[in-house]
Amino acid sequence: MIRNFLSQEMGSFPKCHDGEGELGFIELFGEKDFSSGIRFFHHTVLPPKTSIGIHTHGNDEEIYIVLEGSGVMHLDGKDYEVAKGDVIINQPFGTHGIKNTGDQDLKLLVFEVVIDS
């Protein structure tokens, strides 16, 4: 399968995990598209001052790849400045969220992998 995230129409997701504002969102691939434990693969765009609220996952890992922009990533009680090129791993049962603190869109690729129990 081949899909181009630059050519797909972006939907919107208001108050993602009780965050601020409305982010842009494309589900490139869903769980049914994979033979592995990957649950989803998304292209996500956070306009300035938009956030994905702080939330806790279960038995999975979620990976964020910063394509453009900058922001603050909350990981298990600590805040980290993130920018283009950063790759962030949210560990199983971890608490996390991200906020665009810059003046340009924060563009991300995000995927989640379920861990076998």
PDB file of N, CA and C in Angstrom:
ATOM      1  N   MET A   1       0.833  -1.182   0.000  1.00  0.00           N
ATOM      2  CA  MET A   1       0.000   0.000   0.000  1.00  0.00           C
ATOM      3  C   MET A   1       0.876   1.243   0.000  1.00  0.00           C
ATOM      4  N   ILE A   2       0.446   2.212  -0.739  1.00  0.00           N
ATOM      5  CA  ILE A   2       1.139   3.502  -0.783  1.00  0.00           C
ATOM      6  C   ILE A   2       0.093   4.590  -0.638  1.00  0.00           C
ATOM      7  N   ARG A   3       0.339   5.489   0.281  1.00  0.00           N
ATOM      8  CA  ARG A   3      -0.522   6.654   0.473  1.00  0.00           C
ATOM      9  C   ARG A   3       0.375   7.869   0.674  1.00  0.00           C
ATOM     10  N   ASN A   4      -0.035   8.984   0.119  1.00  0.00           N
ATOM     11  CA  ASN A   4       0.736  10.213   0.217  1.00  0.00           C
ATOM     12  C   ASN A   4       0.016  11.189   1.143  1.00  0.00           C
ATOM     13  N   PHE A   5       0.619  11.487   2.287  1.00  0.00           N
ATOM     14  CA  PHE A   5      -0.058  12.354   3.255  1.00  0.00           C
ATOM     15  C   PHE A   5      -0.120  13.799   2.794  1.00  0.00           C
ATOM     16  N   LEU A   6       0.680  14.184   1.815  1.00  0.00           N
ATOM     17  CA  LEU A   6       0.655  15.558   1.323  1.00  0.00           C
ATOM     18  C   LEU A   6      -0.505  15.803   0.357  1.00  0.00           C
ATOM     19  N   SER A   7      -1.054  14.730  -0.211  1.00  0.00           N
ATOM     20  CA  SER A   7      -2.117  14.904  -1.205  1.00  0.00           C
ATOM     21  C   SER A   7      -3.510  14.579  -0.668  1.00  0.00           C
ATOM     22  N   GLN A   8      -3.617  14.163   0.587  1.00  0.00           N
ATOM     23  CA  GLN A   8      -4.916  13.823   1.157  1.00  0.00           C
ATOM     24  C   GLN A   8      -5.538  15.029   1.839  1.00  0.00           C
ATOM     25  N   GLU A   9      -6.857  15.074   1.823  1.00  0.00           N
ATOM     26  CA  GLU A   9      -7.575  16.158   2.487  1.00  0.00           C
ATOM     27  C   GLU A   9      -7.525  15.965   3.999  1.00  0.00           C
ATOM     28  N   MET A  10      -7.196  17.027   4.683  1.00  0.00           N
ATOM     29  CA  MET A  10      -7.067  16.966   6.132  1.00  0.00           C
ATOM     30  C   MET A  10      -8.418  17.217   6.794  1.00  0.00           C
ATOM     31  N   GLY A  11      -8.754  16.368   7.753  1.00  0.00           N
ATOM     32  CA  GLY A  11      -9.936  16.586   8.566  1.00  0.00           C
ATOM     33  C   GLY A  11      -9.570  17.392   9.790  1.00  0.00           C
ATOM     34  N   SER A  12     -10.520  17.584  10.670  1.00  0.00           N
ATOM     35  CA  SER A  12     -10.233  18.335  11.888  1.00  0.00           C
ATOM     36  C   SER A  12     -10.623  17.524  13.114  1.00  0.00           C
ATOM     37  N   PHE A  13      -9.946  17.796  14.193  1.00  0.00           N
ATOM     38  CA  PHE A  13     -10.168  17.096  15.454  1.00  0.00           C
ATOM     39  C   PHE A  13     -10.138  18.151  16.561  1.00  0.00           C
ATOM     40  N   PRO A  14     -11.322  18.610  17.013  1.00  0.00           N
ATOM     41  CA  PRO A  14     -11.337  19.617  18.076  1.00  0.00           C
ATOM     42  C   PRO A  14     -11.036  19.016  19.447  1.00  0.00           C
ATOM     43  N   LYS A  15     -10.286  19.765  20.248  1.00  0.00           N
ATOM     44  CA  LYS A  15     -10.022  19.412  21.650  1.00  0.00           C
ATOM     45  C   LYS A  15      -9.551  17.964  21.832  1.00  0.00           C
ATOM     46  N   CYS A  16      -8.547  17.577  21.057  1.00  0.00           N
ATOM     47  CA  CYS A  16      -8.002  16.215  21.114  1.00  0.00           C
ATOM     48  C   CYS A  16      -7.506  15.914  22.532  1.00  0.00           C
ATOM     49  N   HIS A  17      -8.018  14.881  23.147  1.00  0.00           N
ATOM     50  CA  HIS A  17      -7.689  14.521  24.536  1.00  0.00           C
ATOM     51  C   HIS A  17      -7.842  15.727  25.465  1.00  0.00           C
ATOM     52  N   ASP A  18      -8.903  16.490  25.263  1.00  0.00           N
ATOM     53  CA  ASP A  18      -9.196  17.698  26.051  1.00  0.00           C
ATOM     54  C   ASP A  18      -8.128  18.770  25.909  1.00  0.00           C
ATOM     55  N   GLY A  19      -7.446  18.781  24.767  1.00  0.00           N
ATOM     56  CA  GLY A  19      -6.461  19.816  24.500  1.00  0.00           C
ATOM     57  C   GLY A  19      -7.111  21.102  24.039  1.00  0.00           C
ATOM     58  N   GLU A  20      -6.268  22.052  23.655  1.00  0.00           N
ATOM     59  CA  GLU A  20      -6.726  23.371  23.226  1.00  0.00           C
ATOM     60  C   GLU A  20      -6.847  23.421  21.707  1.00  0.00           C
ATOM     61  N   GLY A  21      -7.904  24.054  21.219  1.00  0.00           N
ATOM     62  CA  GLY A  21      -8.054  24.319  19.797  1.00  0.00           C
ATOM     63  C   GLY A  21      -8.430  23.107  18.969  1.00  0.00           C
ATOM     64  N   GLU A  22      -8.202  23.254  17.671  1.00  0.00           N
ATOM     65  CA  GLU A  22      -8.589  22.228  16.704  1.00  0.00           C
ATOM     66  C   GLU A  22      -7.388  21.881  15.839  1.00  0.00           C
ATOM     67  N   LEU A  23      -7.015  20.615  15.837  1.00  0.00           N
ATOM     68  CA  LEU A  23      -5.865  20.204  15.045  1.00  0.00           C
ATOM     69  C   LEU A  23      -6.318  19.574  13.737  1.00  0.00           C
ATOM     70  N   GLY A  24      -5.420  19.564  12.763  1.00  0.00           N
ATOM     71  CA  GLY A  24      -5.647  18.882  11.497  1.00  0.00           C
ATOM     72  C   GLY A  24      -5.195  17.442  11.616  1.00  0.00           C
ATOM     73  N   PHE A  25      -5.875  16.557  10.869  1.00  0.00           N
ATOM     74  CA  PHE A  25      -5.676  15.132  11.116  1.00  0.00           C
ATOM     75  C   PHE A  25      -5.964  14.322   9.850  1.00  0.00           C
ATOM     76  N   ILE A  26      -5.045  13.428   9.511  1.00  0.00           N
ATOM     77  CA  ILE A  26      -5.260  12.460   8.433  1.00  0.00           C
ATOM     78  C   ILE A  26      -4.880  11.089   8.978  1.00  0.00           C
ATOM     79  N   GLU A  27      -5.801  10.129   8.910  1.00  0.00           N
ATOM     80  CA  GLU A  27      -5.436   8.747   9.236  1.00  0.00           C
ATOM     81  C   GLU A  27      -4.915   8.115   7.953  1.00  0.00           C
ATOM     82  N   LEU A  28      -3.590   7.991   7.872  1.00  0.00           N
ATOM     83  CA  LEU A  28      -2.979   7.395   6.687  1.00  0.00           C
ATOM     84  C   LEU A  28      -3.260   5.905   6.629  1.00  0.00           C
ATOM     85  N   PHE A  29      -3.095   5.246   7.757  1.00  0.00           N
ATOM     86  CA  PHE A  29      -3.363   3.818   7.861  1.00  0.00           C
ATOM     87  C   PHE A  29      -4.005   3.544   9.212  1.00  0.00           C
ATOM     88  N   GLY A  30      -4.941   2.617   9.227  1.00  0.00           N
ATOM     89  CA  GLY A  30      -5.586   2.188  10.457  1.00  0.00           C
ATOM     90  C   GLY A  30      -5.194   0.763  10.798  1.00  0.00           C
ATOM     91  N   GLU A  31      -5.679   0.290  11.906  1.00  0.00           N
ATOM     92  CA  GLU A  31      -5.319  -1.037  12.425  1.00  0.00           C
ATOM     93  C   GLU A  31      -5.547  -2.138  11.395  1.00  0.00           C
ATOM     94  N   LYS A  32      -6.613  -2.036  10.619  1.00  0.00           N
ATOM     95  CA  LYS A  32      -6.951  -3.070   9.633  1.00  0.00           C
ATOM     96  C   LYS A  32      -5.931  -3.150   8.496  1.00  0.00           C
ATOM     97  N   ASP A  33      -5.112  -2.098   8.334  1.00  0.00           N
ATOM     98  CA  ASP A  33      -4.123  -2.068   7.261  1.00  0.00           C
ATOM     99  C   ASP A  33      -2.829  -2.803   7.602  1.00  0.00           C
ATOM    100  N   PHE A  34      -2.653  -3.186   8.854  1.00  0.00           N
ATOM    101  CA  PHE A  34      -1.387  -3.774   9.308  1.00  0.00           C
ATOM    102  C   PHE A  34      -1.550  -5.239   9.703  1.00  0.00           C
ATOM    103  N   SER A  35      -0.478  -5.992   9.545  1.00  0.00           N
ATOM    104  CA  SER A  35      -0.433  -7.375  10.021  1.00  0.00           C
ATOM    105  C   SER A  35       0.243  -7.463  11.380  1.00  0.00           C
ATOM    106  N   SER A  36       0.841  -6.375  11.807  1.00  0.00           N
ATOM    107  CA  SER A  36       1.567  -6.323  13.076  1.00  0.00           C
ATOM    108  C   SER A  36       0.697  -5.674  14.149  1.00  0.00           C
ATOM    109  N   GLY A  37       1.317  -5.274  15.231  1.00  0.00           N
ATOM    110  CA  GLY A  37       0.610  -4.629  16.325  1.00  0.00           C
ATOM    111  C   GLY A  37       0.440  -3.129  16.161  1.00  0.00           C
ATOM    112  N   ILE A  38       0.716  -2.600  14.962  1.00  0.00           N
ATOM    113  CA  ILE A  38       0.541  -1.167  14.754  1.00  0.00           C
ATOM    114  C   ILE A  38      -0.955  -0.863  14.717  1.00  0.00           C
ATOM    115  N   ARG A  39      -1.369   0.086  15.536  1.00  0.00           N
ATOM    116  CA  ARG A  39      -2.791   0.442  15.650  1.00  0.00           C
ATOM    117  C   ARG A  39      -3.182   1.533  14.647  1.00  0.00           C
ATOM    118  N   PHE A  40      -2.291   2.529  14.445  1.00  0.00           N
ATOM    119  CA  PHE A  40      -2.592   3.592  13.481  1.00  0.00           C
ATOM    120  C   PHE A  40      -1.318   4.311  13.080  1.00  0.00           C
ATOM    121  N   PHE A  41      -1.433   5.047  11.981  1.00  0.00           N
ATOM    122  CA  PHE A  41      -0.358   5.903  11.493  1.00  0.00           C
ATOM    123  C   PHE A  41      -1.026   7.183  10.989  1.00  0.00           C
ATOM    124  N   HIS A  42      -0.773   8.311  11.648  1.00  0.00           N
ATOM    125  CA  HIS A  42      -1.462   9.570  11.380  1.00  0.00           C
ATOM    126  C   HIS A  42      -0.496  10.670  10.964  1.00  0.00           C
ATOM    127  N   HIS A  43      -1.002  11.584  10.153  1.00  0.00           N
ATOM    128  CA  HIS A  43      -0.341  12.861   9.927  1.00  0.00           C
ATOM    129  C   HIS A  43      -1.177  13.883  10.692  1.00  0.00           C
ATOM    130  N   THR A  44      -0.556  14.628  11.579  1.00  0.00           N
ATOM    131  CA  THR A  44      -1.263  15.552  12.459  1.00  0.00           C
ATOM    132  C   THR A  44      -0.617  16.933  12.374  1.00  0.00           C
ATOM    133  N   VAL A  45      -1.461  17.961  12.303  1.00  0.00           N
ATOM    134  CA  VAL A  45      -0.964  19.335  12.245  1.00  0.00           C
ATOM    135  C   VAL A  45      -1.610  20.134  13.373  1.00  0.00           C
ATOM    136  N   LEU A  46      -0.769  20.691  14.242  1.00  0.00           N
ATOM    137  CA  LEU A  46      -1.234  21.547  15.328  1.00  0.00           C
ATOM    138  C   LEU A  46      -0.928  23.000  14.973  1.00  0.00           C
ATOM    139  N   PRO A  47      -1.947  23.816  14.721  1.00  0.00           N
ATOM    140  CA  PRO A  47      -1.690  25.237  14.509  1.00  0.00           C
ATOM    141  C   PRO A  47      -1.119  25.868  15.791  1.00  0.00           C
ATOM    142  N   PRO A  48      -0.571  27.079  15.696  1.00  0.00           N
ATOM    143  CA  PRO A  48      -0.054  27.736  16.903  1.00  0.00           C
ATOM    144  C   PRO A  48      -1.083  27.751  18.032  1.00  0.00           C
ATOM    145  N   LYS A  49      -0.604  27.512  19.243  1.00  0.00           N
ATOM    146  CA  LYS A  49      -1.389  27.501  20.490  1.00  0.00           C
ATOM    147  C   LYS A  49      -2.358  26.322  20.602  1.00  0.00           C
ATOM    148  N   THR A  50      -2.293  25.379  19.679  1.00  0.00           N
ATOM    149  CA  THR A  50      -3.131  24.180  19.737  1.00  0.00           C
ATOM    150  C   THR A  50      -2.378  23.097  20.498  1.00  0.00           C
ATOM    151  N   SER A  51      -3.123  22.187  21.157  1.00  0.00           N
ATOM    152  CA  SER A  51      -2.458  21.111  21.902  1.00  0.00           C
ATOM    153  C   SER A  51      -3.237  19.814  21.828  1.00  0.00           C
ATOM    154  N   ILE A  52      -2.517  18.740  22.050  1.00  0.00           N
ATOM    155  CA  ILE A  52      -3.100  17.439  22.358  1.00  0.00           C
ATOM    156  C   ILE A  52      -2.978  17.345  23.875  1.00  0.00           C
ATOM    157  N   GLY A  53      -4.111  17.237  24.551  1.00  0.00           N
ATOM    158  CA  GLY A  53      -4.118  17.268  26.006  1.00  0.00           C
ATOM    159  C   GLY A  53      -3.336  16.129  26.643  1.00  0.00           C
ATOM    160  N   ILE A  54      -2.917  16.351  27.868  1.00  0.00           N
ATOM    161  CA  ILE A  54      -2.169  15.339  28.624  1.00  0.00           C
ATOM    162  C   ILE A  54      -3.103  14.178  28.935  1.00  0.00           C
ATOM    163  N   HIS A  55      -2.651  12.968  28.572  1.00  0.00           N
ATOM    164  CA  HIS A  55      -3.455  11.762  28.748  1.00  0.00           C
ATOM    165  C   HIS A  55      -2.535  10.569  28.954  1.00  0.00           C
ATOM    166  N   THR A  56      -3.096   9.462  29.402  1.00  0.00           N
ATOM    167  CA  THR A  56      -2.320   8.255  29.687  1.00  0.00           C
ATOM    168  C   THR A  56      -2.802   7.114  28.804  1.00  0.00           C
ATOM    169  N   HIS A  57      -1.854   6.398  28.229  1.00  0.00           N
ATOM    170  CA  HIS A  57      -2.158   5.237  27.394  1.00  0.00           C
ATOM    171  C   HIS A  57      -2.059   3.962  28.217  1.00  0.00           C
ATOM    172  N   GLY A  58      -2.458   2.871  27.604  1.00  0.00           N
ATOM    173  CA  GLY A  58      -2.350   1.553  28.213  1.00  0.00           C
ATOM    174  C   GLY A  58      -1.098   0.852  27.727  1.00  0.00           C
ATOM    175  N   ASN A  59      -1.245  -0.391  27.373  1.00  0.00           N
ATOM    176  CA  ASN A  59      -0.128  -1.247  26.986  1.00  0.00           C
ATOM    177  C   ASN A  59       0.227  -1.040  25.510  1.00  0.00           C
ATOM    178  N   ASP A  60       0.740   0.142  25.201  1.00  0.00           N
ATOM    179  CA  ASP A  60       1.158   0.452  23.838  1.00  0.00           C
ATOM    180  C   ASP A  60       2.270   1.491  23.879  1.00  0.00           C
ATOM    181  N   GLU A  61       2.956   1.633  22.755  1.00  0.00           N
ATOM    182  CA  GLU A  61       3.936   2.691  22.586  1.00  0.00           C
ATOM    183  C   GLU A  61       3.422   3.603  21.481  1.00  0.00           C
ATOM    184  N   GLU A  62       3.619   4.900  21.672  1.00  0.00           N
ATOM    185  CA  GLU A  62       3.215   5.868  20.661  1.00  0.00           C
ATOM    186  C   GLU A  62       4.443   6.689  20.301  1.00  0.00           C
ATOM    187  N   ILE A  63       4.690   6.818  18.997  1.00  0.00           N
ATOM    188  CA  ILE A  63       5.881   7.509  18.519  1.00  0.00           C
ATOM    189  C   ILE A  63       5.451   8.761  17.761  1.00  0.00           C
ATOM    190  N   TYR A  64       6.055   9.902  18.098  1.00  0.00           N
ATOM    191  CA  TYR A  64       5.819  11.169  17.425  1.00  0.00           C
ATOM    192  C   TYR A  64       7.100  11.534  16.668  1.00  0.00           C
ATOM    193  N   ILE A  65       6.952  11.920  15.409  1.00  0.00           N
ATOM    194  CA  ILE A  65       8.073  12.396  14.595  1.00  0.00           C
ATOM    195  C   ILE A  65       7.742  13.834  14.203  1.00  0.00           C
ATOM    196  N   VAL A  66       8.588  14.782  14.607  1.00  0.00           N
ATOM    197  CA  VAL A  66       8.343  16.196  14.318  1.00  0.00           C
ATOM    198  C   VAL A  66       8.907  16.514  12.935  1.00  0.00           C
ATOM    199  N   LEU A  67       8.005  16.843  12.011  1.00  0.00           N
ATOM    200  CA  LEU A  67       8.395  17.178  10.640  1.00  0.00           C
ATOM    201  C   LEU A  67       8.723  18.658  10.482  1.00  0.00           C
ATOM    202  N   GLU A  68       7.915  19.506  11.141  1.00  0.00           N
ATOM    203  CA  GLU A  68       8.097  20.952  11.067  1.00  0.00           C
ATOM    204  C   GLU A  68       7.566  21.590  12.335  1.00  0.00           C
ATOM    205  N   GLY A  69       8.097  22.764  12.657  1.00  0.00           N
ATOM    206  CA  GLY A  69       7.591  23.515  13.793  1.00  0.00           C
ATOM    207  C   GLY A  69       8.292  23.178  15.095  1.00  0.00           C
ATOM    208  N   SER A  70       7.704  23.702  16.176  1.00  0.00           N
ATOM    209  CA  SER A  70       8.280  23.476  17.502  1.00  0.00           C
ATOM    210  C   SER A  70       7.171  23.493  18.540  1.00  0.00           C
ATOM    211  N   GLY A  71       7.496  22.942  19.713  1.00  0.00           N
ATOM    212  CA  GLY A  71       6.508  22.902  20.771  1.00  0.00           C
ATOM    213  C   GLY A  71       7.093  22.353  22.051  1.00  0.00           C
ATOM    214  N   VAL A  72       6.189  22.002  22.963  1.00  0.00           N
ATOM    215  CA  VAL A  72       6.575  21.417  24.241  1.00  0.00           C
ATOM    216  C   VAL A  72       5.865  20.073  24.368  1.00  0.00           C
ATOM    217  N   MET A  73       6.648  19.026  24.596  1.00  0.00           N
ATOM    218  CA  MET A  73       6.133  17.669  24.797  1.00  0.00           C
ATOM    219  C   MET A  73       6.167  17.361  26.283  1.00  0.00           C
ATOM    220  N   HIS A  74       5.034  16.949  26.812  1.00  0.00           N
ATOM    221  CA  HIS A  74       4.943  16.536  28.217  1.00  0.00           C
ATOM    222  C   HIS A  74       5.080  15.015  28.253  1.00  0.00           C
ATOM    223  N   LEU A  75       6.057  14.535  28.998  1.00  0.00           N
ATOM    224  CA  LEU A  75       6.290  13.088  29.161  1.00  0.00           C
ATOM    225  C   LEU A  75       6.426  12.773  30.643  1.00  0.00           C
ATOM    226  N   ASP A  76       5.461  12.050  31.172  1.00  0.00           N
ATOM    227  CA  ASP A  76       5.531  11.547  32.544  1.00  0.00           C
ATOM    228  C   ASP A  76       5.964  12.608  33.558  1.00  0.00           C
ATOM    229  N   GLY A  77       5.300  13.756  33.512  1.00  0.00           N
ATOM    230  CA  GLY A  77       5.530  14.791  34.514  1.00  0.00           C
ATOM    231  C   GLY A  77       6.599  15.811  34.181  1.00  0.00           C
ATOM    232  N   LYS A  78       7.300  15.649  33.055  1.00  0.00           N
ATOM    233  CA  LYS A  78       8.330  16.607  32.667  1.00  0.00           C
ATOM    234  C   LYS A  78       7.995  17.185  31.301  1.00  0.00           C
ATOM    235  N   ASP A  79       8.399  18.431  31.069  1.00  0.00           N
ATOM    236  CA  ASP A  79       8.199  19.097  29.792  1.00  0.00           C
ATOM    237  C   ASP A  79       9.522  19.205  29.052  1.00  0.00           C
ATOM    238  N   TYR A  80       9.468  18.972  27.730  1.00  0.00           N
ATOM    239  CA  TYR A  80      10.652  19.005  26.879  1.00  0.00           C
ATOM    240  C   TYR A  80      10.363  19.847  25.643  1.00  0.00           C
ATOM    241  N   GLU A  81      11.281  20.730  25.295  1.00  0.00           N
ATOM    242  CA  GLU A  81      11.190  21.473  24.046  1.00  0.00           C
ATOM    243  C   GLU A  81      11.450  20.494  22.901  1.00  0.00           C
ATOM    244  N   VAL A  82      10.611  20.538  21.863  1.00  0.00           N
ATOM    245  CA  VAL A  82      10.797  19.677  20.698  1.00  0.00           C
ATOM    246  C   VAL A  82      10.749  20.528  19.435  1.00  0.00           C
ATOM    247  N   ALA A  83      11.444  20.063  18.391  1.00  0.00           N
ATOM    248  CA  ALA A  83      11.518  20.803  17.137  1.00  0.00           C
ATOM    249  C   ALA A  83      11.735  19.820  15.988  1.00  0.00           C
ATOM    250  N   LYS A  84      11.721  20.359  14.791  1.00  0.00           N
ATOM    251  CA  LYS A  84      11.899  19.591  13.563  1.00  0.00           C
ATOM    252  C   LYS A  84      13.039  18.587  13.710  1.00  0.00           C
ATOM    253  N   GLY A  85      12.743  17.330  13.378  1.00  0.00           N
ATOM    254  CA  GLY A  85      13.737  16.274  13.448  1.00  0.00           C
ATOM    255  C   GLY A  85      13.678  15.430  14.706  1.00  0.00           C
ATOM    256  N   ASP A  86      12.994  15.908  15.736  1.00  0.00           N
ATOM    257  CA  ASP A  86      12.899  15.136  16.980  1.00  0.00           C
ATOM    258  C   ASP A  86      11.943  13.960  16.822  1.00  0.00           C
ATOM    259  N   VAL A  87      12.317  12.853  17.461  1.00  0.00           N
ATOM    260  CA  VAL A  87      11.475  11.654  17.524  1.00  0.00           C
ATOM    261  C   VAL A  87      11.243  11.366  18.996  1.00  0.00           C
ATOM    262  N   ILE A  88       9.965  11.236  19.369  1.00  0.00           N
ATOM    263  CA  ILE A  88       9.593  11.074  20.770  1.00  0.00           C
ATOM    264  C   ILE A  88       8.889   9.740  20.946  1.00  0.00           C
ATOM    265  N   ILE A  89       9.290   8.974  21.956  1.00  0.00           N
ATOM    266  CA  ILE A  89       8.637   7.709  22.266  1.00  0.00           C
ATOM    267  C   ILE A  89       7.892   7.858  23.585  1.00  0.00           C
ATOM    268  N   ASN A  90       6.602   7.614  23.530  1.00  0.00           N
ATOM    269  CA  ASN A  90       5.760   7.578  24.725  1.00  0.00           C
ATOM    270  C   ASN A  90       5.675   6.113  25.155  1.00  0.00           C
ATOM    271  N   GLN A  91       6.234   5.814  26.289  1.00  0.00           N
ATOM    272  CA  GLN A  91       6.332   4.438  26.773  1.00  0.00           C
ATOM    273  C   GLN A  91       4.966   3.867  27.175  1.00  0.00           C
ATOM    274  N   PRO A  92       4.847   2.522  27.236  1.00  0.00           N
ATOM    275  CA  PRO A  92       3.596   1.911  27.701  1.00  0.00           C
ATOM    276  C   PRO A  92       3.198   2.463  29.067  1.00  0.00           C
ATOM    277  N   PHE A  93       1.917   2.738  29.222  1.00  0.00           N
ATOM    278  CA  PHE A  93       1.323   3.286  30.442  1.00  0.00           C
ATOM    279  C   PHE A  93       1.851   4.677  30.783  1.00  0.00           C
ATOM    280  N   GLY A  94       2.492   5.329  29.800  1.00  0.00           N
ATOM    281  CA  GLY A  94       3.029   6.669  30.009  1.00  0.00           C
ATOM    282  C   GLY A  94       1.968   7.741  29.850  1.00  0.00           C
ATOM    283  N   THR A  95       2.244   8.883  30.451  1.00  0.00           N
ATOM    284  CA  THR A  95       1.375  10.049  30.359  1.00  0.00           C
ATOM    285  C   THR A  95       2.080  11.087  29.494  1.00  0.00           C
ATOM    286  N   HIS A  96       1.341  11.645  28.539  1.00  0.00           N
ATOM    287  CA  HIS A  96       1.964  12.582  27.610  1.00  0.00           C
ATOM    288  C   HIS A  96       0.946  13.519  26.975  1.00  0.00           C
ATOM    289  N   GLY A  97       1.448  14.575  26.365  1.00  0.00           N
ATOM    290  CA  GLY A  97       0.680  15.550  25.609  1.00  0.00           C
ATOM    291  C   GLY A  97       1.661  16.458  24.908  1.00  0.00           C
ATOM    292  N   ILE A  98       1.173  17.245  23.949  1.00  0.00           N
ATOM    293  CA  ILE A  98       2.066  18.139  23.211  1.00  0.00           C
ATOM    294  C   ILE A  98       1.331  19.433  22.897  1.00  0.00           C
ATOM    295  N   LYS A  99       2.088  20.546  22.922  1.00  0.00           N
ATOM    296  CA  LYS A  99       1.512  21.853  22.621  1.00  0.00           C
ATOM    297  C   LYS A  99       2.414  22.582  21.637  1.00  0.00           C
ATOM    298  N   ASN A 100       1.779  23.203  20.642  1.00  0.00           N
ATOM    299  CA  ASN A 100       2.513  24.045  19.714  1.00  0.00           C
ATOM    300  C   ASN A 100       2.739  25.391  20.387  1.00  0.00           C
ATOM    301  N   THR A 101       3.985  25.699  20.703  1.00  0.00           N
ATOM    302  CA  THR A 101       4.330  26.965  21.342  1.00  0.00           C
ATOM    303  C   THR A 101       4.980  27.933  20.360  1.00  0.00           C
ATOM    304  N   GLY A 102       5.101  27.495  19.100  1.00  0.00           N
ATOM    305  CA  GLY A 102       5.717  28.346  18.086  1.00  0.00           C
ATOM    306  C   GLY A 102       4.685  29.196  17.357  1.00  0.00           C
ATOM    307  N   ASP A 103       5.151  29.887  16.317  1.00  0.00           N
ATOM    308  CA  ASP A 103       4.254  30.725  15.531  1.00  0.00           C
ATOM    309  C   ASP A 103       3.953  30.124  14.157  1.00  0.00           C
ATOM    310  N   GLN A 104       4.395  28.870  13.935  1.00  0.00           N
ATOM    311  CA  GLN A 104       4.103  28.130  12.706  1.00  0.00           C
ATOM    312  C   GLN A 104       3.446  26.811  13.081  1.00  0.00           C
ATOM    313  N   ASP A 105       2.819  26.159  12.097  1.00  0.00           N
ATOM    314  CA  ASP A 105       2.208  24.854  12.355  1.00  0.00           C
ATOM    315  C   ASP A 105       3.253  23.861  12.855  1.00  0.00           C
ATOM    316  N   LEU A 106       2.835  23.032  13.797  1.00  0.00           N
ATOM    317  CA  LEU A 106       3.640  21.911  14.286  1.00  0.00           C
ATOM    318  C   LEU A 106       3.126  20.672  13.559  1.00  0.00           C
ATOM    319  N   LYS A 107       3.943  20.130  12.665  1.00  0.00           N
ATOM    320  CA  LYS A 107       3.532  19.001  11.829  1.00  0.00           C
ATOM    321  C   LYS A 107       4.199  17.723  12.322  1.00  0.00           C
ATOM    322  N   LEU A 108       3.373  16.692  12.509  1.00  0.00           N
ATOM    323  CA  LEU A 108       3.828  15.438  13.109  1.00  0.00           C
ATOM    324  C   LEU A 108       3.389  14.229  12.289  1.00  0.00           C
ATOM    325  N   LEU A 109       4.169  13.173  12.352  1.00  0.00           N
ATOM    326  CA  LEU A 109       3.713  11.829  12.018  1.00  0.00           C
ATOM    327  C   LEU A 109       3.620  11.106  13.348  1.00  0.00           C
ATOM    328  N   VAL A 110       2.520  10.399  13.575  1.00  0.00           N
ATOM    329  CA  VAL A 110       2.292   9.719  14.848  1.00  0.00           C
ATOM    330  C   VAL A 110       1.828   8.300  14.561  1.00  0.00           C
ATOM    331  N   PHE A 111       2.469   7.336  15.231  1.00  0.00           N
ATOM    332  CA  PHE A 111       1.946   5.973  15.132  1.00  0.00           C
ATOM    333  C   PHE A 111       1.994   5.294  16.481  1.00  0.00           C
ATOM    334  N   GLU A 112       1.107   4.313  16.612  1.00  0.00           N
ATOM    335  CA  GLU A 112       0.962   3.618  17.886  1.00  0.00           C
ATOM    336  C   GLU A 112       1.048   2.116  17.661  1.00  0.00           C
ATOM    337  N   VAL A 113       1.786   1.465  18.550  1.00  0.00           N
ATOM    338  CA  VAL A 113       1.998   0.023  18.465  1.00  0.00           C
ATOM    339  C   VAL A 113       1.529  -0.620  19.760  1.00  0.00           C
ATOM    340  N   VAL A 114       0.648  -1.600  19.646  1.00  0.00           N
ATOM    341  CA  VAL A 114       0.173  -2.332  20.807  1.00  0.00           C
ATOM    342  C   VAL A 114       1.224  -3.355  21.205  1.00  0.00           C
ATOM    343  N   ILE A 115       1.514  -3.438  22.497  1.00  0.00           N
ATOM    344  CA  ILE A 115       2.499  -4.387  23.029  1.00  0.00           C
ATOM    345  C   ILE A 115       1.751  -5.655  23.442  1.00  0.00           C
ATOM    346  N   ASP A 116       2.223  -6.813  22.967  1.00  0.00           N
ATOM    347  CA  ASP A 116       1.600  -8.072  23.372  1.00  0.00           C
ATOM    348  C   ASP A 116       1.766  -8.272  24.866  1.00  0.00           C
ATOM    349  N   SER A 117       0.707  -8.775  25.481  1.00  0.00           N
ATOM    350  CA  SER A 117       0.792  -9.015  26.931  1.00  0.00           C
ATOM    351  C   SER A 117       1.130 -10.443  27.252  1.00  0.00           C
TER     352      SER A 117
END
